[in-house]
């Protein structure tokens, strides 16, 4: 089995792949659409891509490309804690407090704002395409008096010294990744923790119908189906036209969820099942 992921090597997505699919051949791609296209073109069997971060919210390119451009069912989800560390070239290990420029992805810089403000107030921050790219840049430019913010894997991959661990502002920052494939996915033995099942639906409301969203929510409520997430996204057919992405905290059954779908269709909604799948937590 081949797994495609958002690269380059040593990103948090790469960490998720290594934990969820240990020992499997993994291939990095430059963008999320490239990952999903690779599955459609049978270059890889599975794509693992980010869909939501605790602090930054939904990854809209994943949602939009999945809805509008490709037809790939969701076969799983894995959640990874986001832990950021300060790393330097080994030559600068003893003088890391004197650095004058910080490199990382814009999200990582934002996630470490308090540390940067208190320890390196006024320092120049340069954005890179990923935390791994920042680590690679520091490795390849030892003469630059700089540091990178990234994860443990990037330090290992590029031979950098971690001089300050856990510099992130929030200990509750996590990223959810979707596992997408044309075919059922077999999960090898892994260090991740099975945490239950989800079912994801896309619901498009009927045009110009007063109270339609209330009716949608009622179809789930009276059946005591718990919604763990509901989010609107534009249909791209005109201003004010939206569909809703709904996650339920249970596996597709034979009665309750199909009954809710039938009720929604009866009031004029279009409903598409995006997947019913296990989800996992990585705890380190």
C-alpha atoms as a PDB file:
ATOM      1  CA  UNK A   1       0.000   0.000   0.000  1.00  0.00           C
ATOM      2  CA  UNK A   2       1.200   3.507  -0.862  1.00  0.00           C
ATOM      3  CA  UNK A   3       0.136   6.521   1.191  1.00  0.00           C
ATOM      4  CA  UNK A   4       0.323  10.055  -0.197  1.00  0.00           C
ATOM      5  CA  UNK A   5       0.566  13.008   2.174  1.00  0.00           C
ATOM      6  CA  UNK A   6       1.108  16.757   2.237  1.00  0.00           C
ATOM      7  CA  UNK A   7       4.883  17.160   2.163  1.00  0.00           C
ATOM      8  CA  UNK A   8       7.709  17.729   2.355  1.00  0.00           C
ATOM      9  CA  UNK A   9       9.170  15.050   4.598  1.00  0.00           C
ATOM     10  CA  UNK A  10       8.949  15.633   8.364  1.00  0.00           C
ATOM     11  CA  UNK A  11       5.741  17.677   8.363  1.00  0.00           C
ATOM     12  CA  UNK A  12       3.043  16.967  10.935  1.00  0.00           C
ATOM     13  CA  UNK A  13       1.182  15.162   8.156  1.00  0.00           C
ATOM     14  CA  UNK A  14       4.227  12.922   7.710  1.00  0.00           C
ATOM     15  CA  UNK A  15       4.171  12.245  11.461  1.00  0.00           C
ATOM     16  CA  UNK A  16       0.512  11.217  11.206  1.00  0.00           C
ATOM     17  CA  UNK A  17       1.332   8.822   8.355  1.00  0.00           C
ATOM     18  CA  UNK A  18       4.230   7.249  10.264  1.00  0.00           C
ATOM     19  CA  UNK A  19       2.049   6.673  13.321  1.00  0.00           C
ATOM     20  CA  UNK A  20      -1.070   5.456  11.525  1.00  0.00           C
ATOM     21  CA  UNK A  21       0.630   3.437   8.777  1.00  0.00           C
ATOM     22  CA  UNK A  22       4.011   2.334  10.184  1.00  0.00           C
ATOM     23  CA  UNK A  23       6.298   0.683   7.671  1.00  0.00           C
ATOM     24  CA  UNK A  24       4.107   1.565   4.681  1.00  0.00           C
ATOM     25  CA  UNK A  25       5.586   3.326   1.648  1.00  0.00           C
ATOM     26  CA  UNK A  26       4.740   7.024   1.917  1.00  0.00           C
ATOM     27  CA  UNK A  27       5.037   9.642  -0.814  1.00  0.00           C
ATOM     28  CA  UNK A  28       5.037  13.428  -0.169  1.00  0.00           C
ATOM     29  CA  UNK A  29       3.144  15.806  -2.462  1.00  0.00           C
ATOM     30  CA  UNK A  30       3.459  19.557  -2.784  1.00  0.00           C
ATOM     31  CA  UNK A  31      -0.212  20.419  -2.253  1.00  0.00           C
ATOM     32  CA  UNK A  32      -3.429  18.918  -0.892  1.00  0.00           C
ATOM     33  CA  UNK A  33      -5.037  18.774  -4.374  1.00  0.00           C
ATOM     34  CA  UNK A  34      -1.943  16.906  -5.602  1.00  0.00           C
ATOM     35  CA  UNK A  35      -2.471  14.330  -2.839  1.00  0.00           C
ATOM     36  CA  UNK A  36      -6.108  13.773  -3.755  1.00  0.00           C
ATOM     37  CA  UNK A  37      -5.393  13.698  -7.484  1.00  0.00           C
ATOM     38  CA  UNK A  38      -2.742  11.037  -6.864  1.00  0.00           C
ATOM     39  CA  UNK A  39      -5.394   8.727  -5.401  1.00  0.00           C
ATOM     40  CA  UNK A  40      -7.766   9.376  -8.291  1.00  0.00           C
ATOM     41  CA  UNK A  41      -4.947   8.595 -10.759  1.00  0.00           C
ATOM     42  CA  UNK A  42      -3.933   5.435  -8.836  1.00  0.00           C
ATOM     43  CA  UNK A  43      -0.452   6.762  -8.077  1.00  0.00           C
ATOM     44  CA  UNK A  44      -1.124   6.029  -4.398  1.00  0.00           C
ATOM     45  CA  UNK A  45      -3.766   3.947  -2.629  1.00  0.00           C
ATOM     46  CA  UNK A  46      -4.514   6.353   0.212  1.00  0.00           C
ATOM     47  CA  UNK A  47      -4.227  10.090   0.833  1.00  0.00           C
ATOM     48  CA  UNK A  48      -3.817  11.570   4.306  1.00  0.00           C
ATOM     49  CA  UNK A  49      -4.538  15.308   4.418  1.00  0.00           C
ATOM     50  CA  UNK A  50      -5.279  17.905   7.136  1.00  0.00           C
ATOM     51  CA  UNK A  51      -8.891  18.995   7.563  1.00  0.00           C
ATOM     52  CA  UNK A  52      -9.045  20.985  10.823  1.00  0.00           C
ATOM     53  CA  UNK A  53      -6.791  22.580  13.428  1.00  0.00           C
ATOM     54  CA  UNK A  54      -7.824  23.577  16.937  1.00  0.00           C
ATOM     55  CA  UNK A  55      -6.513  27.133  16.592  1.00  0.00           C
ATOM     56  CA  UNK A  56      -6.739  27.826  12.868  1.00  0.00           C
ATOM     57  CA  UNK A  57     -10.071  26.104  12.130  1.00  0.00           C
ATOM     58  CA  UNK A  58     -11.002  24.157   9.009  1.00  0.00           C
ATOM     59  CA  UNK A  59      -8.623  23.578   6.110  1.00  0.00           C
ATOM     60  CA  UNK A  60     -10.915  24.901   3.394  1.00  0.00           C
ATOM     61  CA  UNK A  61      -8.861  23.674   0.442  1.00  0.00           C
ATOM     62  CA  UNK A  62      -9.322  20.093   1.671  1.00  0.00           C
ATOM     63  CA  UNK A  63     -13.087  20.473   2.084  1.00  0.00           C
ATOM     64  CA  UNK A  64     -13.638  22.315  -1.186  1.00  0.00           C
ATOM     65  CA  UNK A  65     -11.492  20.012  -3.315  1.00  0.00           C
ATOM     66  CA  UNK A  66     -13.086  16.949  -1.763  1.00  0.00           C
ATOM     67  CA  UNK A  67     -16.590  18.262  -2.491  1.00  0.00           C
ATOM     68  CA  UNK A  68     -16.147  19.967  -5.859  1.00  0.00           C
ATOM     69  CA  UNK A  69     -13.245  18.265  -7.633  1.00  0.00           C
ATOM     70  CA  UNK A  70     -12.851  14.599  -6.636  1.00  0.00           C
ATOM     71  CA  UNK A  71     -15.086  11.791  -5.432  1.00  0.00           C
ATOM     72  CA  UNK A  72     -13.241  10.030  -2.632  1.00  0.00           C
ATOM     73  CA  UNK A  73     -14.954   8.500   0.408  1.00  0.00           C
ATOM     74  CA  UNK A  74     -13.581   9.129   3.884  1.00  0.00           C
ATOM     75  CA  UNK A  75     -12.240   5.885   5.353  1.00  0.00           C
ATOM     76  CA  UNK A  76     -10.747   7.197   8.562  1.00  0.00           C
ATOM     77  CA  UNK A  77      -9.584  10.109  10.662  1.00  0.00           C
ATOM     78  CA  UNK A  78      -6.539  10.582  12.870  1.00  0.00           C
ATOM     79  CA  UNK A  79      -5.938  13.441  15.312  1.00  0.00           C
ATOM     80  CA  UNK A  80      -2.380  14.530  16.122  1.00  0.00           C
ATOM     81  CA  UNK A  81      -1.206  16.841  18.942  1.00  0.00           C
ATOM     82  CA  UNK A  82       0.723  19.831  17.608  1.00  0.00           C
ATOM     83  CA  UNK A  83       3.902  20.319  19.618  1.00  0.00           C
ATOM     84  CA  UNK A  84       6.417  22.918  18.467  1.00  0.00           C
ATOM     85  CA  UNK A  85      10.112  23.101  19.350  1.00  0.00           C
ATOM     86  CA  UNK A  86      12.920  25.586  18.733  1.00  0.00           C
ATOM     87  CA  UNK A  87      15.810  24.071  16.768  1.00  0.00           C
ATOM     88  CA  UNK A  88      19.111  25.325  15.427  1.00  0.00           C
ATOM     89  CA  UNK A  89      22.035  24.096  13.361  1.00  0.00           C
ATOM     90  CA  UNK A  90      24.415  22.058  15.581  1.00  0.00           C
ATOM     91  CA  UNK A  91      27.096  24.730  15.037  1.00  0.00           C
ATOM     92  CA  UNK A  92      24.919  27.243  16.869  1.00  0.00           C
ATOM     93  CA  UNK A  93      23.839  25.053  19.767  1.00  0.00           C
ATOM     94  CA  UNK A  94      25.770  27.069  22.363  1.00  0.00           C
ATOM     95  CA  UNK A  95      24.768  30.495  21.010  1.00  0.00           C
ATOM     96  CA  UNK A  96      21.103  29.932  20.215  1.00  0.00           C
ATOM     97  CA  UNK A  97      19.969  32.833  22.417  1.00  0.00           C
ATOM     98  CA  UNK A  98      21.731  35.224  20.032  1.00  0.00           C
ATOM     99  CA  UNK A  99      19.768  34.308  16.898  1.00  0.00           C
ATOM    100  CA  UNK A 100      18.303  37.224  14.932  1.00  0.00           C
ATOM    101  CA  UNK A 101      15.789  35.495  12.623  1.00  0.00           C
ATOM    102  CA  UNK A 102      13.130  32.808  13.131  1.00  0.00           C
ATOM    103  CA  UNK A 103      11.885  30.554  10.321  1.00  0.00           C
ATOM    104  CA  UNK A 104       8.671  28.545  10.178  1.00  0.00           C
ATOM    105  CA  UNK A 105       5.198  28.241   8.705  1.00  0.00           C
ATOM    106  CA  UNK A 106       2.974  31.222   9.510  1.00  0.00           C
ATOM    107  CA  UNK A 107       0.669  29.043  11.633  1.00  0.00           C
ATOM    108  CA  UNK A 108       3.586  27.754  13.698  1.00  0.00           C
ATOM    109  CA  UNK A 109       4.859  31.297  14.265  1.00  0.00           C
ATOM    110  CA  UNK A 110       1.388  32.308  15.447  1.00  0.00           C
ATOM    111  CA  UNK A 111       1.119  29.235  17.687  1.00  0.00           C
ATOM    112  CA  UNK A 112       4.349  30.241  19.454  1.00  0.00           C
ATOM    113  CA  UNK A 113       3.614  33.963  19.757  1.00  0.00           C
ATOM    114  CA  UNK A 114       3.989  34.161  23.554  1.00  0.00           C
ATOM    115  CA  UNK A 115       7.360  32.412  23.523  1.00  0.00           C
ATOM    116  CA  UNK A 116       8.696  34.586  20.699  1.00  0.00           C
ATOM    117  CA  UNK A 117       7.359  37.761  22.338  1.00  0.00           C
ATOM    118  CA  UNK A 118       8.927  37.046  25.732  1.00  0.00           C
ATOM    119  CA  UNK A 119      12.179  35.377  24.668  1.00  0.00           C
ATOM    120  CA  UNK A 120      12.927  37.051  21.308  1.00  0.00           C
ATOM    121  CA  UNK A 121      10.919  40.266  21.306  1.00  0.00           C
ATOM    122  CA  UNK A 122      11.456  42.157  18.058  1.00  0.00           C
ATOM    123  CA  UNK A 123      13.118  39.282  16.205  1.00  0.00           C
ATOM    124  CA  UNK A 124      12.520  38.947  12.458  1.00  0.00           C
ATOM    125  CA  UNK A 125      10.180  36.094  11.554  1.00  0.00           C
ATOM    126  CA  UNK A 126      10.391  34.613   8.066  1.00  0.00           C
ATOM    127  CA  UNK A 127       7.541  32.419   6.799  1.00  0.00           C
ATOM    128  CA  UNK A 128       8.186  29.137   4.994  1.00  0.00           C
ATOM    129  CA  UNK A 129       5.830  26.735   3.218  1.00  0.00           C
ATOM    130  CA  UNK A 130       5.958  24.305   6.162  1.00  0.00           C
ATOM    131  CA  UNK A 131       7.750  23.710   9.449  1.00  0.00           C
ATOM    132  CA  UNK A 132       9.787  21.005   7.708  1.00  0.00           C
ATOM    133  CA  UNK A 133      10.863  23.465   5.016  1.00  0.00           C
ATOM    134  CA  UNK A 134      12.092  25.795   7.767  1.00  0.00           C
ATOM    135  CA  UNK A 135      14.156  23.004   9.317  1.00  0.00           C
ATOM    136  CA  UNK A 136      15.593  22.089   5.925  1.00  0.00           C
ATOM    137  CA  UNK A 137      16.526  25.715   5.271  1.00  0.00           C
ATOM    138  CA  UNK A 138      18.412  25.990   8.581  1.00  0.00           C
ATOM    139  CA  UNK A 139      20.230  22.729   7.844  1.00  0.00           C
ATOM    140  CA  UNK A 140      21.311  23.907   4.393  1.00  0.00           C
ATOM    141  CA  UNK A 141      22.327  27.411   5.523  1.00  0.00           C
ATOM    142  CA  UNK A 142      24.594  27.016   8.564  1.00  0.00           C
ATOM    143  CA  UNK A 143      25.984  30.540   8.170  1.00  0.00           C
ATOM    144  CA  UNK A 144      22.612  32.139   8.875  1.00  0.00           C
ATOM    145  CA  UNK A 145      22.187  33.166  12.498  1.00  0.00           C
ATOM    146  CA  UNK A 146      18.698  31.744  12.672  1.00  0.00           C
ATOM    147  CA  UNK A 147      16.466  29.065  14.157  1.00  0.00           C
ATOM    148  CA  UNK A 148      13.487  27.036  13.013  1.00  0.00           C
ATOM    149  CA  UNK A 149      10.256  26.145  14.750  1.00  0.00           C
ATOM    150  CA  UNK A 150       9.102  22.619  14.032  1.00  0.00           C
ATOM    151  CA  UNK A 151       8.362  19.130  15.299  1.00  0.00           C
ATOM    152  CA  UNK A 152      10.590  16.335  16.563  1.00  0.00           C
ATOM    153  CA  UNK A 153      10.562  14.544  13.224  1.00  0.00           C
ATOM    154  CA  UNK A 154      11.904  17.589  11.368  1.00  0.00           C
ATOM    155  CA  UNK A 155      14.778  17.917  13.848  1.00  0.00           C
ATOM    156  CA  UNK A 156      15.643  14.249  13.327  1.00  0.00           C
ATOM    157  CA  UNK A 157      15.228  14.387   9.544  1.00  0.00           C
ATOM    158  CA  UNK A 158      17.512  17.418   9.090  1.00  0.00           C
ATOM    159  CA  UNK A 159      19.983  16.852  11.915  1.00  0.00           C
ATOM    160  CA  UNK A 160      19.128  19.925  13.977  1.00  0.00           C
ATOM    161  CA  UNK A 161      19.530  20.490  17.709  1.00  0.00           C
ATOM    162  CA  UNK A 162      16.398  21.180  19.730  1.00  0.00           C
ATOM    163  CA  UNK A 163      17.388  23.896  22.196  1.00  0.00           C
ATOM    164  CA  UNK A 164      13.932  24.561  23.642  1.00  0.00           C
ATOM    165  CA  UNK A 165      11.122  22.016  23.809  1.00  0.00           C
ATOM    166  CA  UNK A 166       7.380  22.729  23.803  1.00  0.00           C
ATOM    167  CA  UNK A 167       7.395  26.413  22.938  1.00  0.00           C
ATOM    168  CA  UNK A 168       3.777  26.414  21.707  1.00  0.00           C
ATOM    169  CA  UNK A 169       1.274  28.643  23.502  1.00  0.00           C
ATOM    170  CA  UNK A 170      -1.470  26.014  23.832  1.00  0.00           C
ATOM    171  CA  UNK A 171      -1.156  22.420  25.014  1.00  0.00           C
ATOM    172  CA  UNK A 172      -4.568  21.646  23.534  1.00  0.00           C
ATOM    173  CA  UNK A 173      -3.661  22.295  19.907  1.00  0.00           C
ATOM    174  CA  UNK A 174      -4.482  19.368  17.621  1.00  0.00           C
ATOM    175  CA  UNK A 175      -4.885  18.758  13.902  1.00  0.00           C
ATOM    176  CA  UNK A 176      -7.397  16.350  12.396  1.00  0.00           C
ATOM    177  CA  UNK A 177      -6.390  14.444   9.265  1.00  0.00           C
ATOM    178  CA  UNK A 178      -8.714  12.621   6.871  1.00  0.00           C
ATOM    179  CA  UNK A 179      -7.819   9.254   5.356  1.00  0.00           C
ATOM    180  CA  UNK A 180      -9.210   9.061   1.819  1.00  0.00           C
ATOM    181  CA  UNK A 181      -9.216   6.173  -0.629  1.00  0.00           C
ATOM    182  CA  UNK A 182     -11.209   4.603  -3.453  1.00  0.00           C
ATOM    183  CA  UNK A 183     -11.194   1.292  -1.590  1.00  0.00           C
ATOM    184  CA  UNK A 184     -11.556   0.091   2.019  1.00  0.00           C
ATOM    185  CA  UNK A 185      -8.444   0.796   4.085  1.00  0.00           C
ATOM    186  CA  UNK A 186      -6.703  -1.815   6.219  1.00  0.00           C
ATOM    187  CA  UNK A 187      -5.090  -0.373   9.325  1.00  0.00           C
ATOM    188  CA  UNK A 188      -1.924  -2.149  10.489  1.00  0.00           C
ATOM    189  CA  UNK A 189      -0.998  -2.377  14.152  1.00  0.00           C
ATOM    190  CA  UNK A 190      -0.344   1.168  15.252  1.00  0.00           C
ATOM    191  CA  UNK A 191       0.457   3.223  18.323  1.00  0.00           C
ATOM    192  CA  UNK A 192      -2.603   5.409  17.744  1.00  0.00           C
ATOM    193  CA  UNK A 193      -5.702   4.879  19.868  1.00  0.00           C
ATOM    194  CA  UNK A 194      -9.027   3.830  18.351  1.00  0.00           C
ATOM    195  CA  UNK A 195     -11.568   6.355  19.640  1.00  0.00           C
ATOM    196  CA  UNK A 196     -14.860   5.449  17.969  1.00  0.00           C
ATOM    197  CA  UNK A 197     -16.714   6.039  14.727  1.00  0.00           C
ATOM    198  CA  UNK A 198     -18.037   9.013  12.796  1.00  0.00           C
ATOM    199  CA  UNK A 199     -20.389   9.470   9.874  1.00  0.00           C
ATOM    200  CA  UNK A 200     -20.023  12.542   7.662  1.00  0.00           C
ATOM    201  CA  UNK A 201     -22.836  13.943   5.536  1.00  0.00           C
ATOM    202  CA  UNK A 202     -23.140  16.802   3.071  1.00  0.00           C
ATOM    203  CA  UNK A 203     -26.570  18.444   3.140  1.00  0.00           C
ATOM    204  CA  UNK A 204     -27.738  21.010   0.588  1.00  0.00           C
ATOM    205  CA  UNK A 205     -30.854  22.908   1.644  1.00  0.00           C
ATOM    206  CA  UNK A 206     -33.808  23.520  -0.694  1.00  0.00           C
ATOM    207  CA  UNK A 207     -33.851  27.008  -2.215  1.00  0.00           C
ATOM    208  CA  UNK A 208     -35.715  29.816  -0.468  1.00  0.00           C
ATOM    209  CA  UNK A 209     -37.364  27.668   2.171  1.00  0.00           C
ATOM    210  CA  UNK A 210     -37.966  29.320   5.513  1.00  0.00           C
ATOM    211  CA  UNK A 211     -36.864  27.258   8.496  1.00  0.00           C
ATOM    212  CA  UNK A 212     -35.075  24.609   6.417  1.00  0.00           C
ATOM    213  CA  UNK A 213     -31.985  24.477   8.647  1.00  0.00           C
ATOM    214  CA  UNK A 214     -34.199  24.095  11.719  1.00  0.00           C
ATOM    215  CA  UNK A 215     -35.919  21.136  10.052  1.00  0.00           C
ATOM    216  CA  UNK A 216     -32.529  19.582   9.255  1.00  0.00           C
ATOM    217  CA  UNK A 217     -31.361  19.823  12.854  1.00  0.00           C
ATOM    218  CA  UNK A 218     -34.705  18.518  14.114  1.00  0.00           C
ATOM    219  CA  UNK A 219     -34.358  15.369  11.993  1.00  0.00           C
ATOM    220  CA  UNK A 220     -31.253  14.479  13.981  1.00  0.00           C
ATOM    221  CA  UNK A 221     -32.399  15.858  17.340  1.00  0.00           C
ATOM    222  CA  UNK A 222     -35.563  13.831  17.839  1.00  0.00           C
ATOM    223  CA  UNK A 223     -33.643  10.661  16.912  1.00  0.00           C
ATOM    224  CA  UNK A 224     -31.046  11.619  19.553  1.00  0.00           C
ATOM    225  CA  UNK A 225     -28.275  11.615  16.950  1.00  0.00           C
ATOM    226  CA  UNK A 226     -25.429  13.727  18.288  1.00  0.00           C
ATOM    227  CA  UNK A 227     -23.781  16.183  15.900  1.00  0.00           C
ATOM    228  CA  UNK A 228     -20.116  16.671  16.755  1.00  0.00           C
ATOM    229  CA  UNK A 229     -19.670  19.267  14.020  1.00  0.00           C
ATOM    230  CA  UNK A 230     -21.742  21.301  11.576  1.00  0.00           C
ATOM    231  CA  UNK A 231     -20.146  23.715   9.143  1.00  0.00           C
ATOM    232  CA  UNK A 232     -21.368  25.689   6.154  1.00  0.00           C
ATOM    233  CA  UNK A 233     -19.445  26.035   2.891  1.00  0.00           C
ATOM    234  CA  UNK A 234     -20.423  27.935  -0.271  1.00  0.00           C
ATOM    235  CA  UNK A 235     -21.830  25.883  -3.124  1.00  0.00           C
ATOM    236  CA  UNK A 236     -20.006  28.210  -5.570  1.00  0.00           C
ATOM    237  CA  UNK A 237     -23.231  28.617  -7.543  1.00  0.00           C
ATOM    238  CA  UNK A 238     -23.991  32.140  -6.319  1.00  0.00           C
ATOM    239  CA  UNK A 239     -23.801  34.432  -3.316  1.00  0.00           C
ATOM    240  CA  UNK A 240     -25.746  33.157  -0.326  1.00  0.00           C
ATOM    241  CA  UNK A 241     -25.861  29.540  -1.531  1.00  0.00           C
ATOM    242  CA  UNK A 242     -24.408  27.112   1.000  1.00  0.00           C
ATOM    243  CA  UNK A 243     -24.284  23.441   1.853  1.00  0.00           C
ATOM    244  CA  UNK A 244     -23.655  22.002   5.304  1.00  0.00           C
ATOM    245  CA  UNK A 245     -21.082  19.441   6.389  1.00  0.00           C
ATOM    246  CA  UNK A 246     -22.335  17.420   9.334  1.00  0.00           C
ATOM    247  CA  UNK A 247     -20.394  14.919  11.463  1.00  0.00           C
ATOM    248  CA  UNK A 248     -22.225  12.398  13.647  1.00  0.00           C
ATOM    249  CA  UNK A 249     -20.485  10.576  16.482  1.00  0.00           C
ATOM    250  CA  UNK A 250     -21.581   7.102  15.430  1.00  0.00           C
ATOM    251  CA  UNK A 251     -21.253   4.501  12.698  1.00  0.00           C
ATOM    252  CA  UNK A 252     -23.818   4.257   9.910  1.00  0.00           C
ATOM    253  CA  UNK A 253     -26.657   2.024  11.082  1.00  0.00           C
ATOM    254  CA  UNK A 254     -29.689   0.444   9.439  1.00  0.00           C
ATOM    255  CA  UNK A 255     -32.397   2.641  10.968  1.00  0.00           C
ATOM    256  CA  UNK A 256     -31.594   5.981  12.613  1.00  0.00           C
ATOM    257  CA  UNK A 257     -29.188   7.673  10.193  1.00  0.00           C
ATOM    258  CA  UNK A 258     -30.936   6.340   7.052  1.00  0.00           C
ATOM    259  CA  UNK A 259     -34.226   7.522   8.581  1.00  0.00           C
ATOM    260  CA  UNK A 260     -32.811  11.015   9.131  1.00  0.00           C
ATOM    261  CA  UNK A 261     -31.503  11.102   5.566  1.00  0.00           C
ATOM    262  CA  UNK A 262     -34.900  10.038   4.198  1.00  0.00           C
ATOM    263  CA  UNK A 263     -36.591  12.775   6.226  1.00  0.00           C
ATOM    264  CA  UNK A 264     -34.176  15.398   4.886  1.00  0.00           C
ATOM    265  CA  UNK A 265     -34.750  14.267   1.317  1.00  0.00           C
ATOM    266  CA  UNK A 266     -38.527  14.409   1.914  1.00  0.00           C
ATOM    267  CA  UNK A 267     -38.301  18.136   2.699  1.00  0.00           C
ATOM    268  CA  UNK A 268     -36.268  18.801  -0.445  1.00  0.00           C
ATOM    269  CA  UNK A 269     -32.677  18.544   0.786  1.00  0.00           C
ATOM    270  CA  UNK A 270     -29.928  16.845  -1.173  1.00  0.00           C
ATOM    271  CA  UNK A 271     -27.886  14.508   1.045  1.00  0.00           C
ATOM    272  CA  UNK A 272     -24.568  12.827   0.266  1.00  0.00           C
ATOM    273  CA  UNK A 273     -22.789  10.426   2.611  1.00  0.00           C
ATOM    274  CA  UNK A 274     -19.085  11.310   2.610  1.00  0.00           C
ATOM    275  CA  UNK A 275     -18.093   8.338   4.747  1.00  0.00           C
ATOM    276  CA  UNK A 276     -18.685   6.282   7.865  1.00  0.00           C
ATOM    277  CA  UNK A 277     -15.343   5.514   9.419  1.00  0.00           C
ATOM    278  CA  UNK A 278     -13.191   4.903  12.525  1.00  0.00           C
ATOM    279  CA  UNK A 279     -11.239   7.719  14.101  1.00  0.00           C
ATOM    280  CA  UNK A 280      -7.981   7.525  16.022  1.00  0.00           C
ATOM    281  CA  UNK A 281      -6.003   9.664  18.430  1.00  0.00           C
ATOM    282  CA  UNK A 282      -2.219   9.965  18.538  1.00  0.00           C
ATOM    283  CA  UNK A 283      -1.196  10.945  22.034  1.00  0.00           C
ATOM    284  CA  UNK A 284       2.450  11.895  21.669  1.00  0.00           C
END
